[in-house]
C-alpha atoms as a PDB file:
ATOM      1  CA  UNK A   1      -3.106   3.538  17.733  1.00  0.00           C
ATOM      2  CA  UNK A   2      -5.750   0.834  17.973  1.00  0.00           C
ATOM      3  CA  UNK A   3      -4.771  -2.006  15.601  1.00  0.00           C
ATOM      4  CA  UNK A   4      -8.351  -2.714  14.544  1.00  0.00           C
ATOM      5  CA  UNK A   5      -8.959   0.943  13.719  1.00  0.00           C
ATOM      6  CA  UNK A   6      -5.640   1.188  11.903  1.00  0.00           C
ATOM      7  CA  UNK A   7      -6.546  -1.852   9.789  1.00  0.00           C
ATOM      8  CA  UNK A   8     -10.006  -0.440   9.042  1.00  0.00           C
ATOM      9  CA  UNK A   9      -8.513   2.929   8.080  1.00  0.00           C
ATOM     10  CA  UNK A  10      -6.016   1.268   5.758  1.00  0.00           C
ATOM     11  CA  UNK A  11      -8.735  -0.872   4.137  1.00  0.00           C
ATOM     12  CA  UNK A  12     -10.834   2.214   3.476  1.00  0.00           C
ATOM     13  CA  UNK A  13      -7.839   4.136   2.129  1.00  0.00           C
ATOM     14  CA  UNK A  14      -6.796   1.307  -0.203  1.00  0.00           C
ATOM     15  CA  UNK A  15     -10.353   1.023  -1.537  1.00  0.00           C
ATOM     16  CA  UNK A  16     -10.549   4.781  -2.101  1.00  0.00           C
ATOM     17  CA  UNK A  17      -7.214   4.859  -3.918  1.00  0.00           C
ATOM     18  CA  UNK A  18      -8.130   1.852  -6.041  1.00  0.00           C
ATOM     19  CA  UNK A  19     -11.442   3.440  -7.030  1.00  0.00           C
ATOM     20  CA  UNK A  20      -9.736   6.735  -7.841  1.00  0.00           C
ATOM     21  CA  UNK A  21      -7.104   5.051  -9.989  1.00  0.00           C
ATOM     22  CA  UNK A  22      -9.532   2.818 -11.869  1.00  0.00           C
ATOM     23  CA  UNK A  23     -12.128   5.495 -12.569  1.00  0.00           C
ATOM     24  CA  UNK A  24     -12.038   6.300 -16.279  1.00  0.00           C
ATOM     25  CA  UNK A  25     -11.108   9.853 -17.179  1.00  0.00           C
ATOM     26  CA  UNK A  26     -13.877  11.719 -18.953  1.00  0.00           C
ATOM     27  CA  UNK A  27     -12.727  14.266 -21.501  1.00  0.00           C
ATOM     28  CA  UNK A  28     -11.984  17.538 -19.755  1.00  0.00           C
ATOM     29  CA  UNK A  29     -11.729  15.893 -16.317  1.00  0.00           C
ATOM     30  CA  UNK A  30      -8.029  14.942 -16.177  1.00  0.00           C
ATOM     31  CA  UNK A  31      -7.279  17.627 -13.570  1.00  0.00           C
ATOM     32  CA  UNK A  32     -10.173  16.414 -11.430  1.00  0.00           C
ATOM     33  CA  UNK A  33      -8.985  12.799 -11.734  1.00  0.00           C
ATOM     34  CA  UNK A  34      -5.513  13.937 -10.729  1.00  0.00           C
ATOM     35  CA  UNK A  35      -6.780  15.813  -7.649  1.00  0.00           C
ATOM     36  CA  UNK A  36      -8.899  12.897  -6.448  1.00  0.00           C
ATOM     37  CA  UNK A  37      -6.117  10.354  -6.961  1.00  0.00           C
ATOM     38  CA  UNK A  38      -3.626  12.731  -5.322  1.00  0.00           C
ATOM     39  CA  UNK A  39      -5.840  13.053  -2.235  1.00  0.00           C
ATOM     40  CA  UNK A  40      -6.168   9.270  -2.012  1.00  0.00           C
ATOM     41  CA  UNK A  41      -2.391   8.794  -2.389  1.00  0.00           C
ATOM     42  CA  UNK A  42      -1.767  11.398   0.319  1.00  0.00           C
ATOM     43  CA  UNK A  43      -4.193   9.588   2.611  1.00  0.00           C
ATOM     44  CA  UNK A  44      -2.322   6.330   2.026  1.00  0.00           C
ATOM     45  CA  UNK A  45       0.910   8.104   2.942  1.00  0.00           C
ATOM     46  CA  UNK A  46      -0.695   8.968   6.312  1.00  0.00           C
ATOM     47  CA  UNK A  47      -2.280   5.556   6.947  1.00  0.00           C
ATOM     48  CA  UNK A  48       0.364   3.021   5.900  1.00  0.00           C
ATOM     49  CA  UNK A  49       3.119   3.776   8.473  1.00  0.00           C
ATOM     50  CA  UNK A  50       0.770   3.615  11.499  1.00  0.00           C
ATOM     51  CA  UNK A  51      -0.698   0.369  10.162  1.00  0.00           C
ATOM     52  CA  UNK A  52       2.751  -1.173   9.848  1.00  0.00           C
ATOM     53  CA  UNK A  53       3.692  -0.066  13.383  1.00  0.00           C
ATOM     54  CA  UNK A  54       0.449  -1.011  15.124  1.00  0.00           C
ATOM     55  CA  UNK A  55      -0.585  -4.164  13.246  1.00  0.00           C
ATOM     56  CA  UNK A  56       2.192  -5.813  11.272  1.00  0.00           C
ATOM     57  CA  UNK A  57       5.177  -5.158  13.530  1.00  0.00           C
ATOM     58  CA  UNK A  58       3.485  -6.763  16.558  1.00  0.00           C
ATOM     59  CA  UNK A  59       2.649  -9.728  14.325  1.00  0.00           C
ATOM     60  CA  UNK A  60       6.312 -10.001  13.341  1.00  0.00           C
ATOM     61  CA  UNK A  61       7.313  -9.970  17.003  1.00  0.00           C
ATOM     62  CA  UNK A  62       4.794 -12.736  17.719  1.00  0.00           C
ATOM     63  CA  UNK A  63       6.116 -14.802  14.800  1.00  0.00           C
ATOM     64  CA  UNK A  64       9.683 -14.433  16.098  1.00  0.00           C
ATOM     65  CA  UNK A  65       8.629 -15.366  19.650  1.00  0.00           C
ATOM     66  CA  UNK A  66       6.533 -18.342  18.587  1.00  0.00           C
ATOM     67  CA  UNK A  67       8.850 -19.926  16.039  1.00  0.00           C
ATOM     68  CA  UNK A  68      12.489 -18.911  15.757  1.00  0.00           C
ATOM     69  CA  UNK A  69      12.773 -20.979  12.565  1.00  0.00           C
ATOM     70  CA  UNK A  70      10.732 -18.277  10.839  1.00  0.00           C
ATOM     71  CA  UNK A  71      13.145 -15.438  11.648  1.00  0.00           C
ATOM     72  CA  UNK A  72      14.285 -15.286   8.020  1.00  0.00           C
ATOM     73  CA  UNK A  73      10.639 -14.777   6.988  1.00  0.00           C
ATOM     74  CA  UNK A  74      10.301 -11.975   9.537  1.00  0.00           C
ATOM     75  CA  UNK A  75      13.413 -10.328   8.087  1.00  0.00           C
ATOM     76  CA  UNK A  76      11.897 -10.581   4.597  1.00  0.00           C
ATOM     77  CA  UNK A  77       8.658  -9.045   5.827  1.00  0.00           C
ATOM     78  CA  UNK A  78      10.499  -6.154   7.489  1.00  0.00           C
ATOM     79  CA  UNK A  79      12.546  -5.548   4.331  1.00  0.00           C
ATOM     80  CA  UNK A  80       9.371  -5.474   2.233  1.00  0.00           C
ATOM     81  CA  UNK A  81       7.816  -2.995   4.701  1.00  0.00           C
ATOM     82  CA  UNK A  82      10.724  -0.663   4.047  1.00  0.00           C
ATOM     83  CA  UNK A  83      10.385  -1.126   0.292  1.00  0.00           C
ATOM     84  CA  UNK A  84       6.661  -0.446   0.493  1.00  0.00           C
ATOM     85  CA  UNK A  85       7.224   2.773   2.419  1.00  0.00           C
ATOM     86  CA  UNK A  86       9.826   3.963  -0.084  1.00  0.00           C
ATOM     87  CA  UNK A  87       7.691   3.043  -3.088  1.00  0.00           C
ATOM     88  CA  UNK A  88       4.583   4.552  -1.544  1.00  0.00           C
ATOM     89  CA  UNK A  89       6.422   7.821  -0.902  1.00  0.00           C
ATOM     90  CA  UNK A  90       7.774   7.898  -4.463  1.00  0.00           C
ATOM     91  CA  UNK A  91       4.283   7.150  -5.812  1.00  0.00           C
ATOM     92  CA  UNK A  92       2.821   9.999  -3.780  1.00  0.00           C
ATOM     93  CA  UNK A  93       5.507  12.381  -5.069  1.00  0.00           C
ATOM     94  CA  UNK A  94       4.787  11.349  -8.666  1.00  0.00           C
ATOM     95  CA  UNK A  95       1.057  11.710  -8.058  1.00  0.00           C
ATOM     96  CA  UNK A  96       1.563  15.243  -6.694  1.00  0.00           C
ATOM     97  CA  UNK A  97       3.646  16.161  -9.730  1.00  0.00           C
ATOM     98  CA  UNK A  98       1.065  14.673 -12.074  1.00  0.00           C
ATOM     99  CA  UNK A  99      -1.807  16.563 -10.433  1.00  0.00           C
ATOM    100  CA  UNK A 100       0.056  19.841 -10.940  1.00  0.00           C
ATOM    101  CA  UNK A 101       0.833  19.035 -14.593  1.00  0.00           C
ATOM    102  CA  UNK A 102      -2.738  17.857 -15.262  1.00  0.00           C
ATOM    103  CA  UNK A 103      -4.104  21.134 -13.922  1.00  0.00           C
ATOM    104  CA  UNK A 104      -1.847  22.995 -16.373  1.00  0.00           C
ATOM    105  CA  UNK A 105      -2.691  20.753 -19.358  1.00  0.00           C
ATOM    106  CA  UNK A 106      -6.365  21.794 -19.413  1.00  0.00           C
ATOM    107  CA  UNK A 107      -7.322  21.468 -23.088  1.00  0.00           C
ATOM    108  CA  UNK A 108      -4.464  19.223 -24.198  1.00  0.00           C
ATOM    109  CA  UNK A 109      -4.935  16.291 -21.847  1.00  0.00           C
ATOM    110  CA  UNK A 110      -3.027  14.021 -24.223  1.00  0.00           C
ATOM    111  CA  UNK A 111       0.157  15.602 -22.802  1.00  0.00           C
ATOM    112  CA  UNK A 112      -0.347  13.731 -19.544  1.00  0.00           C
ATOM    113  CA  UNK A 113      -2.393  10.708 -20.653  1.00  0.00           C
ATOM    114  CA  UNK A 114       0.585   8.336 -20.753  1.00  0.00           C
ATOM    115  CA  UNK A 115       1.690   9.510 -17.303  1.00  0.00           C
ATOM    116  CA  UNK A 116      -1.821   8.886 -15.977  1.00  0.00           C
ATOM    117  CA  UNK A 117      -1.789   5.353 -17.362  1.00  0.00           C
ATOM    118  CA  UNK A 118       1.589   4.666 -15.751  1.00  0.00           C
ATOM    119  CA  UNK A 119       0.423   6.090 -12.404  1.00  0.00           C
ATOM    120  CA  UNK A 120      -2.673   3.910 -12.569  1.00  0.00           C
ATOM    121  CA  UNK A 121      -0.551   0.809 -13.128  1.00  0.00           C
ATOM    122  CA  UNK A 122       1.976   1.759 -10.459  1.00  0.00           C
ATOM    123  CA  UNK A 123      -0.748   2.560  -7.943  1.00  0.00           C
ATOM    124  CA  UNK A 124      -2.602  -0.700  -8.509  1.00  0.00           C
ATOM    125  CA  UNK A 125       0.693  -2.577  -8.234  1.00  0.00           C
ATOM    126  CA  UNK A 126       1.413  -0.818  -4.923  1.00  0.00           C
ATOM    127  CA  UNK A 127      -2.048  -1.684  -3.590  1.00  0.00           C
ATOM    128  CA  UNK A 128      -1.561  -5.345  -4.534  1.00  0.00           C
ATOM    129  CA  UNK A 129       1.857  -5.404  -2.843  1.00  0.00           C
ATOM    130  CA  UNK A 130       0.376  -3.964   0.366  1.00  0.00           C
ATOM    131  CA  UNK A 131      -2.391  -6.578   0.322  1.00  0.00           C
ATOM    132  CA  UNK A 132       0.153  -9.306  -0.400  1.00  0.00           C
ATOM    133  CA  UNK A 133       2.262  -8.127   2.556  1.00  0.00           C
ATOM    134  CA  UNK A 134      -0.760  -8.329   4.835  1.00  0.00           C
ATOM    135  CA  UNK A 135      -1.546 -11.850   3.600  1.00  0.00           C
ATOM    136  CA  UNK A 136       2.074 -12.922   4.065  1.00  0.00           C
ATOM    137  CA  UNK A 137       2.155 -11.628   7.638  1.00  0.00           C
ATOM    138  CA  UNK A 138      -1.102 -13.441   8.437  1.00  0.00           C
ATOM    139  CA  UNK A 139       0.170 -16.645   6.831  1.00  0.00           C
ATOM    140  CA  UNK A 140       3.474 -16.670   8.714  1.00  0.00           C
ATOM    141  CA  UNK A 141       1.751 -15.783  11.981  1.00  0.00           C
ATOM    142  CA  UNK A 142      -0.620 -18.731  11.559  1.00  0.00           C
ATOM    143  CA  UNK A 143       2.311 -20.947  10.619  1.00  0.00           C
ATOM    144  CA  UNK A 144       4.247 -19.846  13.703  1.00  0.00           C
ATOM    145  CA  UNK A 145       1.324 -20.484  16.023  1.00  0.00           C
ATOM    146  CA  UNK A 146      -0.224 -23.628  14.559  1.00  0.00           C
ATOM    147  CA  UNK A 147       2.475 -25.513  12.664  1.00  0.00           C
ATOM    148  CA  UNK A 148       2.726 -29.182  13.506  1.00  0.00           C
ATOM    149  CA  UNK A 149       6.354 -29.670  14.427  1.00  0.00           C
ATOM    150  CA  UNK A 150       6.036 -33.441  14.834  1.00  0.00           C
ATOM    151  CA  UNK A 151       7.397 -35.257  17.880  1.00  0.00           C
ATOM    152  CA  UNK A 152       9.393 -32.894  20.021  1.00  0.00           C
ATOM    153  CA  UNK A 153      12.012 -34.239  22.429  1.00  0.00           C
END
């Protein structure tokens, strides 16, 4: 997959999920909120792995090639990728479960209100972690390529 397209797709997906999560729930619209957020979470589940493979993993390889002193950072980045994938999958599963429960709640939306609040917080936290991972990869790539190593023998 084209890295630029993968990055653009992920940006769009993150923005859509963030908007879905932060949109207030109007009385009687909990099931609709759940469906929209579920669709956005499912889209993230499709977009994140290709982004990691086509954009971040090549950056990690470049970091390792350019500056072997940063190998521990690359290992940390790879470990966080795995954690992100696991957490994203768990979030999507919880979102799917919530959407089904919200559709059943109909008139008594208070049954699922606390779950919605928790999903909102967890989803926003996941989005921030993904953005932080992207920033970390960019930072370490720049460090690997442009760090002043002083006089070299």
